[in-house]
Protein backbone atom coordinates (compact mmCIF):
# COMPACT_ATOMS: atom_id res chain seq x y z
CA MET A 1 0.00 0.00 0.00
CA ARG A 2 1.29 3.47 -0.80
CA ARG A 3 0.04 7.03 -0.52
CA ALA A 4 1.56 10.47 -0.90
CA CYS A 5 0.41 13.52 1.00
CA THR A 6 1.66 17.04 1.45
CA ALA A 7 3.08 17.59 4.90
CA PRO A 8 3.75 21.28 5.70
CA GLY A 9 5.91 20.50 8.73
CA ALA A 10 7.90 17.92 6.81
CA VAL A 11 8.30 20.36 3.93
CA LEU A 12 9.85 22.88 6.33
CA ILE A 13 12.38 20.28 7.43
CA GLY A 14 13.19 19.57 3.80
CA LEU A 15 13.47 23.27 3.02
CA LEU A 16 16.07 23.64 5.75
CA ALA A 17 18.07 20.89 4.11
CA LEU A 18 17.73 22.47 0.66
CA SER A 19 18.75 25.84 2.02
CA GLY A 20 22.27 24.62 2.64
CA CYS A 21 22.15 23.25 6.17
CA GLY A 22 23.42 19.90 4.91
CA TRP A 23 21.20 18.11 7.41
CA ILE A 24 19.98 14.70 6.32
CA SER A 25 18.38 12.53 8.91
CA SER A 26 16.66 9.26 9.20
CA SER A 27 15.05 7.62 12.12
CA SER A 28 13.56 4.32 13.00
CA SER A 29 11.10 3.55 15.73
CA LYS A 30 12.19 0.60 17.81
CA SER A 31 10.66 -1.34 20.60
CA THR A 32 12.12 -4.42 22.17
CA ALA A 33 9.43 -6.65 20.62
CA GLU A 34 9.47 -5.00 17.18
CA ALA A 35 13.12 -4.15 16.44
CA CYS A 36 13.65 -2.63 12.99
CA PRO A 37 16.59 -2.35 10.66
CA SER A 38 18.25 1.06 10.66
CA ALA A 39 17.02 3.51 8.00
CA VAL A 40 19.80 5.21 6.01
CA ILE A 41 19.43 7.93 3.39
CA LEU A 42 22.44 7.45 1.14
CA ARG A 43 24.11 10.86 0.96
CA PRO A 44 25.29 10.65 -2.68
CA LEU A 45 21.79 9.59 -3.76
CA ALA A 46 19.82 12.01 -1.55
CA ASN A 47 19.89 14.69 -4.28
CA ASN A 48 18.54 14.64 -7.80
CA ALA A 49 18.16 17.00 -10.74
CA VAL A 50 15.78 17.18 -13.68
CA PHE A 51 17.20 19.08 -16.61
CA GLY A 52 15.62 21.58 -18.97
CA PRO A 53 15.61 21.30 -22.77
CA ALA A 54 19.15 22.59 -23.43
CA PRO A 55 21.73 19.84 -24.03
CA GLU A 56 24.19 21.16 -21.44
CA ARG A 57 23.98 19.63 -17.98
CA ARG A 58 24.90 22.72 -15.98
CA PRO A 59 23.17 24.44 -13.03
CA ASP A 60 21.57 27.02 -15.36
CA ASN A 61 19.77 24.18 -17.21
CA VAL A 62 18.26 22.50 -14.13
CA ALA A 63 14.46 22.56 -14.15
CA PHE A 64 14.08 20.97 -10.68
CA TYR A 65 16.25 19.83 -7.82
CA GLY A 66 15.08 17.01 -5.56
CA LEU A 67 16.04 16.04 -2.02
CA ILE A 68 15.15 13.07 0.14
CA SER A 69 15.29 14.82 3.48
CA GLU A 70 13.89 12.37 6.01
CA ALA A 71 12.75 8.77 6.42
CA ASP A 72 10.82 7.32 9.32
CA LEU A 73 10.76 3.52 9.56
CA LYS A 74 8.49 1.35 11.66
CA CYS A 75 8.12 -2.43 11.51
CA GLU A 76 5.78 -5.20 12.46
CA HIS A 77 7.12 -8.75 12.66
CA THR A 78 5.17 -11.82 11.56
CA GLY A 79 7.01 -15.10 11.66
CA ASP A 80 10.12 -14.85 9.50
CA ALA A 81 9.00 -11.63 7.78
CA VAL A 82 8.90 -7.95 8.64
CA ARG A 83 6.28 -5.49 7.46
CA MET A 84 8.12 -2.23 6.83
CA ILE A 85 6.20 1.01 7.13
CA VAL A 86 8.27 3.87 5.73
CA ASP A 87 7.35 7.56 5.50
CA VAL A 88 9.76 9.37 3.17
CA VAL A 89 9.90 13.17 2.88
CA VAL A 90 10.79 14.26 -0.65
CA VAL A 91 11.28 17.97 -1.37
CA ALA A 92 11.69 19.72 -4.71
CA GLU A 93 12.92 23.17 -5.68
CA ARG A 94 12.41 24.90 -9.01
CA GLY A 95 15.59 25.52 -10.93
CA PRO A 96 16.35 28.24 -13.50
CA ALA A 97 14.98 26.13 -16.40
CA ALA A 98 11.66 25.23 -14.72
CA LYS A 99 8.61 25.60 -16.94
CA ALA A 100 6.15 23.14 -15.34
CA ASP A 101 4.24 23.17 -12.06
CA SER A 102 5.09 19.57 -11.14
CA VAL A 103 8.04 17.21 -11.23
CA ASP A 104 8.32 13.43 -11.17
CA PHE A 105 11.16 11.64 -9.40
CA GLN A 106 11.94 8.00 -8.73
CA TYR A 107 13.47 6.84 -5.49
CA PHE A 108 14.21 3.42 -4.07
CA VAL A 109 13.82 1.59 -0.78
CA ALA A 110 16.25 -1.32 -0.43
CA LEU A 111 16.84 -3.88 2.32
CA ILE A 112 20.59 -4.47 2.67
CA GLY A 113 22.18 -7.51 4.31
CA PRO A 114 25.18 -7.46 6.66
CA ASP A 115 27.45 -8.33 3.70
CA GLN A 116 26.06 -5.30 1.76
CA SER A 117 24.02 -7.55 -0.56
CA ILE A 118 20.67 -6.21 -1.76
CA LEU A 119 17.96 -8.47 -0.35
CA TYR A 120 15.05 -6.39 -1.64
CA LYS A 121 14.71 -3.24 -3.71
CA LYS A 122 11.62 -1.35 -4.78
CA ILE A 123 11.68 1.68 -7.10
CA LEU A 124 8.87 4.15 -6.39
CA PRO A 125 7.61 7.13 -8.38
CA VAL A 126 6.75 10.35 -6.59
CA ARG A 127 5.15 13.49 -8.07
CA ILE A 128 5.57 16.87 -6.43
CA VAL A 129 3.14 19.63 -7.41
CA PHE A 130 3.96 23.31 -6.91
CA ASP A 131 1.50 26.14 -6.44
CA ALA A 132 1.70 28.70 -9.23
CA THR A 133 4.29 30.94 -7.53
CA GLY A 134 5.99 28.47 -5.16
CA LYS A 135 9.72 27.89 -5.40
CA ARG A 136 9.68 24.78 -3.16
CA ALA A 137 7.21 21.98 -2.46
CA GLY A 138 7.29 18.54 -0.93
CA VAL A 139 5.40 15.39 -0.08
CA THR A 140 5.53 12.63 2.46
CA ASP A 141 5.37 9.33 0.61
CA HIS A 142 4.02 6.38 2.61
CA VAL A 143 5.16 2.86 1.71
CA GLU A 144 4.24 -0.46 3.33
CA ASP A 145 5.64 -3.82 2.27
CA ALA A 146 6.20 -7.25 3.83
CA ILE A 147 9.71 -8.61 3.39
CA PRO A 148 10.83 -12.19 4.21
CA LEU A 149 13.89 -12.15 6.46
CA GLY A 150 15.23 -15.58 5.48
CA GLY A 151 16.31 -16.34 9.05
CA ARG A 152 18.16 -13.02 9.47
CA LYS A 153 17.65 -10.70 12.42
CA ALA A 154 16.06 -7.38 11.40
CA THR A 155 18.62 -5.46 13.45
CA ASP A 156 21.44 -6.93 11.32
CA LEU A 157 19.98 -5.26 8.20
CA THR A 158 19.63 -1.69 6.95
CA VAL A 159 16.97 0.00 4.86
CA ASP A 160 18.74 2.25 2.34
CA LEU A 161 16.94 5.04 0.49
CA GLY A 162 17.99 7.25 -2.38
CA PHE A 163 17.01 8.62 -5.75
CA GLN A 164 17.24 6.32 -8.75
CA GLN A 165 19.63 8.56 -10.68
CA SER A 166 20.39 8.56 -14.39
CA PRO A 167 24.05 8.55 -15.54
CA GLU A 168 23.70 12.22 -16.57
CA VAL A 169 22.62 13.19 -13.03
CA VAL A 170 25.55 11.26 -11.52
CA ASP A 171 27.91 13.09 -13.87
CA PHE A 172 26.25 16.46 -13.09
CA TYR A 173 26.86 16.02 -9.35
CA LYS A 174 30.48 15.00 -9.96
CA HIS A 175 31.05 18.38 -11.63
CA PHE A 176 28.64 20.62 -9.66
CA ARG A 177 28.59 19.29 -6.11
CA GLY A 178 26.96 22.22 -4.32
CA ARG A 179 24.77 23.12 -7.29
């Protein structure tokens, strides 16, 4: 099950991160009976860019920037499986080449084993809609999924999140790290 909703408080947190604070957090709710893997937003994949029509991949041709600013993970255990409940805050900012009032990104949620193997990965689309004059907007995307643990302890695993980036975005951030 999945739903996206605008969260003004969450958007403010994301805006702080976009404004140059460099703060990226994740949290996971744990209880002794329902221990969860740790949630990790992968720093190199926490940012994304959507380019305008010009062929150059420079900051002046960015239509939208994206940021995964926060992830909250909760779990429920059933037998040898865990039901992950993840709320992900995704924020977008209009760039100089923006012409539209919405942007589509793709991000992933992956369960990673102690040996860094990918045990599960799901790619999720998210659309962020701007009001007519807004420079920034955001959503909280809600994802629930049951994952078999295969005899592993949940606390030995991590849940990694990041944008599914194209090669041109990876190259852009190699050359223009701080935008």
